[in-house]
Amino acid sequence: MQIGKNMVKTPKLVYVLILFLSIFLSMIVSNSSFLGTFISSCKRDKDCPKLYGANFRCRKGTCVPPI
């Protein structure tokens, strides 16, 4: 009876690890492509683009998204 319980726990653990790794990797890929596209030089906040409902801010001469 004990062997059956351990056999169920192993696939659950693998499933959860794959799920969290895929979510983590998708966040990394989406953030890197988003940030690399819209970096531009600016002097004021109004010089930065307003895309996808996010107002970019001018910090140290470059447009950065709000965190």
N, C-alpha and C. Protein backbone atom coordinates (compact mmCIF):
# COMPACT_ATOMS: atom_id res chain seq x y z
N MET A 1 0.82 -1.21 0.00
CA MET A 1 0.00 0.00 0.00
C MET A 1 0.86 1.27 0.00
N GLN A 2 1.99 1.21 0.67
CA GLN A 2 2.87 2.37 0.76
C GLN A 2 3.49 2.69 -0.59
N ILE A 3 3.76 1.68 -1.40
CA ILE A 3 4.38 1.90 -2.70
C ILE A 3 3.45 2.70 -3.61
N GLY A 4 2.17 2.46 -3.56
CA GLY A 4 1.21 3.16 -4.39
C GLY A 4 1.15 4.66 -4.09
N LYS A 5 1.28 5.04 -2.83
CA LYS A 5 1.24 6.45 -2.45
C LYS A 5 2.47 7.19 -2.96
N ASN A 6 3.64 6.57 -2.88
CA ASN A 6 4.87 7.20 -3.35
C ASN A 6 4.87 7.36 -4.87
N MET A 7 4.25 6.44 -5.57
CA MET A 7 4.20 6.50 -7.02
C MET A 7 3.34 7.67 -7.48
N VAL A 8 2.37 8.07 -6.70
CA VAL A 8 1.51 9.20 -7.05
C VAL A 8 2.21 10.52 -6.74
N LYS A 9 2.99 10.58 -5.69
CA LYS A 9 3.66 11.82 -5.29
C LYS A 9 4.73 12.24 -6.28
N THR A 10 5.43 11.29 -6.89
CA THR A 10 6.51 11.63 -7.81
C THR A 10 6.01 12.37 -9.04
N PRO A 11 4.97 11.90 -9.76
CA PRO A 11 4.49 12.67 -10.92
C PRO A 11 3.92 14.04 -10.54
N LYS A 12 3.32 14.15 -9.37
CA LYS A 12 2.82 15.45 -8.92
C LYS A 12 3.97 16.42 -8.74
N LEU A 13 5.05 15.97 -8.14
CA LEU A 13 6.22 16.83 -7.93
C LEU A 13 6.81 17.27 -9.26
N VAL A 14 6.94 16.36 -10.19
CA VAL A 14 7.49 16.68 -11.50
C VAL A 14 6.57 17.66 -12.22
N TYR A 15 5.26 17.44 -12.14
CA TYR A 15 4.30 18.33 -12.78
C TYR A 15 4.39 19.75 -12.22
N VAL A 16 4.47 19.88 -10.92
CA VAL A 16 4.56 21.19 -10.28
C VAL A 16 5.86 21.89 -10.65
N LEU A 17 6.98 21.17 -10.68
CA LEU A 17 8.25 21.77 -11.06
C LEU A 17 8.22 22.26 -12.51
N ILE A 18 7.68 21.47 -13.42
CA ILE A 18 7.58 21.88 -14.82
C ILE A 18 6.68 23.09 -14.95
N LEU A 19 5.58 23.12 -14.22
CA LEU A 19 4.65 24.24 -14.27
C LEU A 19 5.31 25.54 -13.82
N PHE A 20 6.00 25.52 -12.69
CA PHE A 20 6.64 26.73 -12.19
C PHE A 20 7.81 27.17 -13.07
N LEU A 21 8.56 26.23 -13.60
CA LEU A 21 9.66 26.59 -14.49
C LEU A 21 9.14 27.23 -15.78
N SER A 22 8.05 26.70 -16.33
CA SER A 22 7.51 27.28 -17.55
C SER A 22 6.95 28.67 -17.31
N ILE A 23 6.29 28.89 -16.18
CA ILE A 23 5.78 30.22 -15.86
C ILE A 23 6.95 31.20 -15.68
N PHE A 24 7.97 30.78 -14.98
CA PHE A 24 9.14 31.62 -14.74
C PHE A 24 9.83 31.98 -16.06
N LEU A 25 10.04 31.00 -16.93
CA LEU A 25 10.71 31.27 -18.20
C LEU A 25 9.86 32.15 -19.12
N SER A 26 8.55 31.98 -19.11
CA SER A 26 7.70 32.83 -19.94
C SER A 26 7.73 34.27 -19.44
N MET A 27 7.83 34.48 -18.13
CA MET A 27 7.94 35.84 -17.60
C MET A 27 9.26 36.48 -18.03
N ILE A 28 10.32 35.73 -18.02
CA ILE A 28 11.62 36.25 -18.42
C ILE A 28 11.61 36.64 -19.89
N VAL A 29 11.06 35.78 -20.74
CA VAL A 29 11.05 36.03 -22.17
C VAL A 29 10.16 37.23 -22.50
N SER A 30 9.00 37.32 -21.88
CA SER A 30 8.10 38.43 -22.19
C SER A 30 8.66 39.76 -21.69
N ASN A 31 9.28 39.79 -20.54
CA ASN A 31 9.85 41.03 -20.03
C ASN A 31 11.06 41.48 -20.83
N SER A 32 11.88 40.56 -21.26
CA SER A 32 13.08 40.97 -22.00
C SER A 32 12.71 41.51 -23.37
N SER A 33 11.73 40.91 -24.04
CA SER A 33 11.35 41.43 -25.35
C SER A 33 10.61 42.76 -25.21
N PHE A 34 9.88 42.92 -24.14
CA PHE A 34 9.13 44.16 -23.93
C PHE A 34 10.07 45.32 -23.61
N LEU A 35 11.05 45.09 -22.77
CA LEU A 35 11.96 46.16 -22.37
C LEU A 35 12.91 46.56 -23.48
N GLY A 36 13.38 45.60 -24.25
CA GLY A 36 14.33 45.91 -25.29
C GLY A 36 13.76 46.72 -26.42
N THR A 37 12.47 46.68 -26.63
CA THR A 37 11.85 47.34 -27.76
C THR A 37 11.64 48.82 -27.54
N PHE A 38 11.34 49.26 -26.34
CA PHE A 38 10.88 50.61 -26.10
C PHE A 38 11.86 51.50 -25.35
N ILE A 39 13.09 51.10 -25.23
CA ILE A 39 14.06 51.96 -24.56
C ILE A 39 14.47 53.07 -25.53
N SER A 40 14.30 54.30 -25.10
CA SER A 40 14.68 55.44 -25.93
C SER A 40 15.16 56.57 -25.03
N SER A 41 15.79 57.56 -25.64
CA SER A 41 16.28 58.69 -24.85
C SER A 41 15.16 59.70 -24.64
N CYS A 42 15.26 60.43 -23.54
CA CYS A 42 14.21 61.39 -23.21
C CYS A 42 14.78 62.49 -22.31
N LYS A 43 14.00 63.55 -22.18
CA LYS A 43 14.31 64.61 -21.24
C LYS A 43 13.21 64.78 -20.21
N ARG A 44 11.97 64.47 -20.62
CA ARG A 44 10.82 64.57 -19.73
C ARG A 44 9.99 63.30 -19.85
N ASP A 45 9.05 63.11 -18.92
CA ASP A 45 8.17 61.95 -18.97
C ASP A 45 7.30 61.96 -20.22
N LYS A 46 6.98 63.13 -20.74
CA LYS A 46 6.12 63.22 -21.93
C LYS A 46 6.84 62.75 -23.19
N ASP A 47 8.17 62.67 -23.17
CA ASP A 47 8.93 62.19 -24.32
C ASP A 47 8.84 60.67 -24.48
N CYS A 48 8.42 59.97 -23.44
CA CYS A 48 8.36 58.51 -23.46
C CYS A 48 7.03 58.03 -24.02
N PRO A 49 7.01 56.84 -24.65
CA PRO A 49 5.77 56.33 -25.24
C PRO A 49 4.76 55.87 -24.19
N LYS A 50 3.51 55.83 -24.57
CA LYS A 50 2.45 55.29 -23.73
C LYS A 50 1.86 54.10 -24.48
N LEU A 51 2.27 52.90 -24.08
CA LEU A 51 1.85 51.69 -24.76
C LEU A 51 1.29 50.68 -23.79
N TYR A 52 0.32 49.93 -24.26
CA TYR A 52 -0.29 48.84 -23.50
C TYR A 52 -0.80 49.30 -22.13
N GLY A 53 -1.22 50.53 -22.03
CA GLY A 53 -1.75 51.04 -20.77
C GLY A 53 -0.68 51.36 -19.74
N ALA A 54 0.59 51.29 -20.11
CA ALA A 54 1.68 51.59 -19.18
C ALA A 54 2.31 52.92 -19.55
N ASN A 55 2.41 53.82 -18.62
CA ASN A 55 3.05 55.11 -18.85
C ASN A 55 4.53 54.98 -18.50
N PHE A 56 5.37 55.09 -19.50
CA PHE A 56 6.81 55.02 -19.27
C PHE A 56 7.28 56.31 -18.63
N ARG A 57 8.32 56.21 -17.82
CA ARG A 57 8.88 57.36 -17.12
C ARG A 57 10.30 57.63 -17.61
N CYS A 58 10.69 58.87 -17.56
CA CYS A 58 12.04 59.27 -17.96
C CYS A 58 12.93 59.24 -16.71
N ARG A 59 13.90 58.32 -16.70
CA ARG A 59 14.83 58.21 -15.58
C ARG A 59 16.25 58.18 -16.13
N LYS A 60 17.05 59.14 -15.74
CA LYS A 60 18.46 59.23 -16.14
C LYS A 60 18.61 59.25 -17.65
N GLY A 61 17.70 59.89 -18.35
CA GLY A 61 17.80 60.05 -19.79
C GLY A 61 17.27 58.91 -20.63
N THR A 62 16.69 57.88 -20.02
CA THR A 62 16.11 56.76 -20.77
C THR A 62 14.69 56.49 -20.27
N CYS A 63 13.85 56.02 -21.16
CA CYS A 63 12.47 55.67 -20.81
C CYS A 63 12.44 54.29 -20.16
N VAL A 64 11.85 54.21 -18.99
CA VAL A 64 11.73 52.94 -18.30
C VAL A 64 10.27 52.69 -17.95
N PRO A 65 9.83 51.42 -18.00
CA PRO A 65 8.44 51.12 -17.65
C PRO A 65 8.24 51.18 -16.14
N PRO A 66 7.02 51.42 -15.70
CA PRO A 66 6.76 51.41 -14.25
C PRO A 66 6.88 49.98 -13.72
N ILE A 67 7.37 49.87 -12.52
CA ILE A 67 7.56 48.53 -11.94
C ILE A 67 6.39 48.15 -11.08
